[in-house]
Every structure is written in C-alpha cells, then in structure tokens.
Amino acid sequence: MRRFIIAFIAAYIFLFVWGWLLNGILLKDVYAETPNLWRSQTEMASLFHWIIIGQALVVFSFVMIYASGFAGGGIIAGIRLGLLLEIAAIGMRLGFYAVQPIPGKLIVYGSIGAVIEMVIVGAMVGGIYKPASVRQP
C-alpha cells in the first residue's frame, strides 16, 4: 500500500505540473486560435476542481492497472503501460477531431505531449514498483 500511495502522489504531481506546462504554456497560442471552443478563464477557474478530480482518476487508474498486472516489470513495464494507454487516448482524440472543430495541430501536439507525459508517468510508477529483488533495503 505504501508504494501505491507514493506512486500515486509522485505521478499526480508530475501529471498536474506537466498538464499546466503543456496546455497552459506550450499550447496556449494554439488554444487561443479557437476561443469559441473553450470556456472563459473565469468559467474554467470555477470548474477547476473537475480537473483535479479527473487527473486523480487517471493517475489512480494508471497505478491500479500497473500494480495489478505490470508490477514485476519495473520501469520498462511502466513505460509500456503508459504507451499502451496513450495509444488508446490518441484513438479517442482522433474520434473527437472527427466530430468537433478542434484544430488538427492541437490533436498532434497534444498527443505528442501526452506520449511524453505517459512515458514519464510509467517510468516513475515502474521505478517505485521495481521488483523486490532490485530494491534496496
């Protein structure tokens, strides 16, 4: 349970900071090209708790899946899980692109950023859950 909590906290902090950096800084201008698709800053701020809850659910699910079936594989298994989950997410983004007027470059840049994010999250969780024979006492 201790490793689960540590992995959850570490991955959550990274996911939160990376999300802010990617969406709030690096892709800010891309989002600004389509203001009609997004809530105002004030409205987003009033709904910010949903971002916190959503990210917590993503990280909780990631760590649970890792602990349930990947835990013996260390960092490589964590990266593999991150890539597999992100491939599924890219598929969902492509579906959104087909039905919503989201700029293609936002799908591409967001997906590249998300692959980086999930590889790092996977490495972090895999490092925390590294096999017992590798862990130091």
C-alpha atoms as a PDB file:
ATOM      1  CA  MET A   1       0.000   0.000   0.000  1.00  0.00           C
ATOM      2  CA  ARG A   2       2.898   2.326   0.760  1.00  0.00           C
ATOM      3  CA  ARG A   3       4.302   2.024  -2.776  1.00  0.00           C
ATOM      4  CA  PHE A   4       0.834   2.612  -4.222  1.00  0.00           C
ATOM      5  CA  ILE A   5       0.436   5.875  -2.286  1.00  0.00           C
ATOM      6  CA  ILE A   6       3.948   7.081  -3.133  1.00  0.00           C
ATOM      7  CA  ALA A   7       3.462   6.193  -6.822  1.00  0.00           C
ATOM      8  CA  PHE A   8       0.073   7.931  -6.859  1.00  0.00           C
ATOM      9  CA  ILE A   9       1.396  11.126  -5.261  1.00  0.00           C
ATOM     10  CA  ALA A  10       4.527  11.299  -7.445  1.00  0.00           C
ATOM     11  CA  ALA A  11       2.614  10.612 -10.673  1.00  0.00           C
ATOM     12  CA  TYR A  12      -0.178  13.021  -9.724  1.00  0.00           C
ATOM     13  CA  ILE A  13       2.225  15.884  -9.041  1.00  0.00           C
ATOM     14  CA  PHE A  14       4.012  15.272 -12.345  1.00  0.00           C
ATOM     15  CA  LEU A  15       0.743  14.956 -14.298  1.00  0.00           C
ATOM     16  CA  PHE A  16      -0.558  18.192 -12.796  1.00  0.00           C
ATOM     17  CA  VAL A  17       2.624  20.179 -13.498  1.00  0.00           C
ATOM     18  CA  TRP A  18       3.054  18.705 -17.000  1.00  0.00           C
ATOM     19  CA  GLY A  19      -0.607  19.431 -17.832  1.00  0.00           C
ATOM     20  CA  TRP A  20      -0.158  23.057 -16.805  1.00  0.00           C
ATOM     21  CA  LEU A  21       3.096  23.360 -18.762  1.00  0.00           C
ATOM     22  CA  LEU A  22       1.762  21.667 -21.907  1.00  0.00           C
ATOM     23  CA  ASN A  23      -1.716  23.186 -22.046  1.00  0.00           C
ATOM     24  CA  GLY A  24      -1.245  26.424 -20.156  1.00  0.00           C
ATOM     25  CA  ILE A  25       2.119  27.461 -21.581  1.00  0.00           C
ATOM     26  CA  LEU A  26       3.299  25.483 -24.630  1.00  0.00           C
ATOM     27  CA  LEU A  27      -0.075  25.134 -26.398  1.00  0.00           C
ATOM     28  CA  LYS A  28      -1.614  28.372 -25.146  1.00  0.00           C
ATOM     29  CA  ASP A  29      -1.423  30.055 -28.566  1.00  0.00           C
ATOM     30  CA  VAL A  30      -2.994  27.046 -30.297  1.00  0.00           C
ATOM     31  CA  TYR A  31      -5.936  27.151 -27.889  1.00  0.00           C
ATOM     32  CA  ALA A  32      -6.212  30.917 -28.419  1.00  0.00           C
ATOM     33  CA  GLU A  33      -6.852  30.363 -32.143  1.00  0.00           C
ATOM     34  CA  THR A  34     -10.263  28.851 -31.332  1.00  0.00           C
ATOM     35  CA  PRO A  35     -11.682  30.752 -28.331  1.00  0.00           C
ATOM     36  CA  ASN A  36     -15.233  29.785 -29.302  1.00  0.00           C
ATOM     37  CA  LEU A  37     -14.467  26.130 -28.440  1.00  0.00           C
ATOM     38  CA  TRP A  38     -13.327  26.740 -24.856  1.00  0.00           C
ATOM     39  CA  ARG A  39     -14.752  28.122 -21.640  1.00  0.00           C
ATOM     40  CA  SER A  40     -13.637  31.542 -20.452  1.00  0.00           C
ATOM     41  CA  GLN A  41     -10.800  31.726 -17.924  1.00  0.00           C
ATOM     42  CA  THR A  42     -13.286  32.678 -15.217  1.00  0.00           C
ATOM     43  CA  GLU A  43     -15.564  29.773 -16.019  1.00  0.00           C
ATOM     44  CA  MET A  44     -12.633  27.350 -16.176  1.00  0.00           C
ATOM     45  CA  ALA A  45     -11.419  28.571 -12.799  1.00  0.00           C
ATOM     46  CA  SER A  46     -14.847  27.910 -11.275  1.00  0.00           C
ATOM     47  CA  LEU A  47     -14.694  24.327 -12.595  1.00  0.00           C
ATOM     48  CA  PHE A  48     -11.040  23.690 -11.760  1.00  0.00           C
ATOM     49  CA  HIS A  49     -11.953  21.068  -9.169  1.00  0.00           C
ATOM     50  CA  TRP A  50     -13.074  18.827 -12.048  1.00  0.00           C
ATOM     51  CA  ILE A  51      -9.554  18.970 -13.487  1.00  0.00           C
ATOM     52  CA  ILE A  52      -8.144  17.932 -10.119  1.00  0.00           C
ATOM     53  CA  ILE A  53     -10.640  15.074  -9.799  1.00  0.00           C
ATOM     54  CA  GLY A  54     -10.149  13.973 -13.411  1.00  0.00           C
ATOM     55  CA  GLN A  55      -6.374  13.875 -13.111  1.00  0.00           C
ATOM     56  CA  ALA A  56      -6.633  11.990  -9.812  1.00  0.00           C
ATOM     57  CA  LEU A  57      -8.829   9.369 -11.507  1.00  0.00           C
ATOM     58  CA  VAL A  58      -6.364   8.981 -14.388  1.00  0.00           C
ATOM     59  CA  VAL A  59      -3.432   8.521 -12.010  1.00  0.00           C
ATOM     60  CA  PHE A  60      -5.383   6.213  -9.694  1.00  0.00           C
ATOM     61  CA  SER A  61      -6.364   4.022 -12.659  1.00  0.00           C
ATOM     62  CA  PHE A  62      -2.811   4.006 -14.034  1.00  0.00           C
ATOM     63  CA  VAL A  63      -1.287   2.940 -10.710  1.00  0.00           C
ATOM     64  CA  MET A  64      -4.025   0.338 -10.120  1.00  0.00           C
ATOM     65  CA  ILE A  65      -3.503  -1.201 -13.564  1.00  0.00           C
ATOM     66  CA  TYR A  66       0.257  -1.185 -13.068  1.00  0.00           C
ATOM     67  CA  ALA A  67       0.014  -2.749  -9.600  1.00  0.00           C
ATOM     68  CA  SER A  68      -2.462  -5.354 -10.843  1.00  0.00           C
ATOM     69  CA  GLY A  69      -0.563  -6.716 -13.797  1.00  0.00           C
ATOM     70  CA  PHE A  70       2.687  -4.936 -14.555  1.00  0.00           C
ATOM     71  CA  ALA A  71       4.328  -4.566 -11.124  1.00  0.00           C
ATOM     72  CA  GLY A  72       7.050  -7.153 -11.651  1.00  0.00           C
ATOM     73  CA  GLY A  73       8.384  -5.473 -14.769  1.00  0.00           C
ATOM     74  CA  GLY A  74       9.880  -2.301 -13.337  1.00  0.00           C
ATOM     75  CA  ILE A  75      10.445   0.857 -15.352  1.00  0.00           C
ATOM     76  CA  ILE A  76      10.153  -0.810 -18.790  1.00  0.00           C
ATOM     77  CA  ALA A  77       6.754  -2.270 -17.876  1.00  0.00           C
ATOM     78  CA  GLY A  78       5.616   1.148 -16.659  1.00  0.00           C
ATOM     79  CA  ILE A  79       6.685   2.772 -19.916  1.00  0.00           C
ATOM     80  CA  ARG A  80       4.947   0.019 -21.892  1.00  0.00           C
ATOM     81  CA  LEU A  81       1.726   0.561 -19.925  1.00  0.00           C
ATOM     82  CA  GLY A  82       1.978   4.320 -20.447  1.00  0.00           C
ATOM     83  CA  LEU A  83       2.400   3.878 -24.194  1.00  0.00           C
ATOM     84  CA  LEU A  84      -0.492   1.413 -24.445  1.00  0.00           C
ATOM     85  CA  LEU A  85      -2.851   3.690 -22.543  1.00  0.00           C
ATOM     86  CA  GLU A  86      -1.765   6.694 -24.579  1.00  0.00           C
ATOM     87  CA  ILE A  87      -2.355   4.880 -27.852  1.00  0.00           C
ATOM     88  CA  ALA A  88      -5.950   4.350 -26.667  1.00  0.00           C
ATOM     89  CA  ALA A  89      -6.209   8.048 -25.733  1.00  0.00           C
ATOM     90  CA  ILE A  90      -4.916   9.110 -29.156  1.00  0.00           C
ATOM     91  CA  GLY A  91      -7.636   6.978 -30.708  1.00  0.00           C
ATOM     92  CA  MET A  92     -10.192   8.864 -28.630  1.00  0.00           C
ATOM     93  CA  ARG A  93      -8.685  12.222 -29.647  1.00  0.00           C
ATOM     94  CA  LEU A  94      -8.972  11.252 -33.305  1.00  0.00           C
ATOM     95  CA  GLY A  95     -12.649  10.499 -32.736  1.00  0.00           C
ATOM     96  CA  PHE A  96     -13.142  13.929 -31.153  1.00  0.00           C
ATOM     97  CA  TYR A  97     -11.329  15.504 -34.092  1.00  0.00           C
ATOM     98  CA  ALA A  98     -13.784  13.872 -36.488  1.00  0.00           C
ATOM     99  CA  VAL A  99     -16.852  15.326 -34.748  1.00  0.00           C
ATOM    100  CA  GLN A 100     -15.635  18.600 -33.220  1.00  0.00           C
ATOM    101  CA  PRO A 101     -13.856  21.542 -34.856  1.00  0.00           C
ATOM    102  CA  ILE A 102     -10.669  21.039 -32.853  1.00  0.00           C
ATOM    103  CA  PRO A 103      -7.550  22.188 -34.748  1.00  0.00           C
ATOM    104  CA  GLY A 104      -5.544  19.265 -36.130  1.00  0.00           C
ATOM    105  CA  LYS A 105      -2.315  20.702 -34.766  1.00  0.00           C
ATOM    106  CA  LEU A 106      -3.833  20.644 -31.265  1.00  0.00           C
ATOM    107  CA  ILE A 107      -4.514  16.921 -31.701  1.00  0.00           C
ATOM    108  CA  VAL A 108      -0.960  16.320 -32.966  1.00  0.00           C
ATOM    109  CA  TYR A 109       0.861  18.496 -30.419  1.00  0.00           C
ATOM    110  CA  GLY A 110      -1.387  17.363 -27.578  1.00  0.00           C
ATOM    111  CA  SER A 111      -0.805  13.728 -28.487  1.00  0.00           C
ATOM    112  CA  ILE A 112       2.974  14.178 -28.661  1.00  0.00           C
ATOM    113  CA  GLY A 113       2.906  15.897 -25.268  1.00  0.00           C
ATOM    114  CA  ALA A 114       0.701  13.151 -23.862  1.00  0.00           C
ATOM    115  CA  VAL A 115       3.050  10.402 -25.093  1.00  0.00           C
ATOM    116  CA  ILE A 116       5.911  12.151 -23.289  1.00  0.00           C
ATOM    117  CA  GLU A 117       3.707  12.522 -20.209  1.00  0.00           C
ATOM    118  CA  MET A 118       2.671   8.874 -20.079  1.00  0.00           C
ATOM    119  CA  VAL A 119       6.198   7.576 -20.702  1.00  0.00           C
ATOM    120  CA  ILE A 120       7.425   9.637 -17.745  1.00  0.00           C
ATOM    121  CA  VAL A 121       4.479   8.638 -15.544  1.00  0.00           C
ATOM    122  CA  GLY A 122       5.090   4.997 -16.470  1.00  0.00           C
ATOM    123  CA  ALA A 123       8.793   5.263 -15.679  1.00  0.00           C
ATOM    124  CA  MET A 124       8.024   6.910 -12.342  1.00  0.00           C
ATOM    125  CA  VAL A 125       5.448   4.314 -11.320  1.00  0.00           C
ATOM    126  CA  GLY A 126       7.650   1.468 -12.605  1.00  0.00           C
ATOM    127  CA  GLY A 127      10.602   2.846 -10.674  1.00  0.00           C
ATOM    128  CA  ILE A 128       8.602   2.998  -7.472  1.00  0.00           C
ATOM    129  CA  TYR A 129       7.227  -0.506  -8.068  1.00  0.00           C
ATOM    130  CA  LYS A 130      10.540  -2.005  -9.225  1.00  0.00           C
ATOM    131  CA  PRO A 131      10.816  -5.729  -8.441  1.00  0.00           C
ATOM    132  CA  ALA A 132      11.715  -6.653  -4.857  1.00  0.00           C
ATOM    133  CA  SER A 133      14.999  -8.279  -5.960  1.00  0.00           C
ATOM    134  CA  VAL A 134      16.163  -4.901  -7.313  1.00  0.00           C
ATOM    135  CA  ARG A 135      15.006  -2.708  -4.415  1.00  0.00           C
ATOM    136  CA  GLN A 136      17.492  -1.741  -1.774  1.00  0.00           C
ATOM    137  CA  PRO A 137      16.533  -2.435   1.879  1.00  0.00           C
END
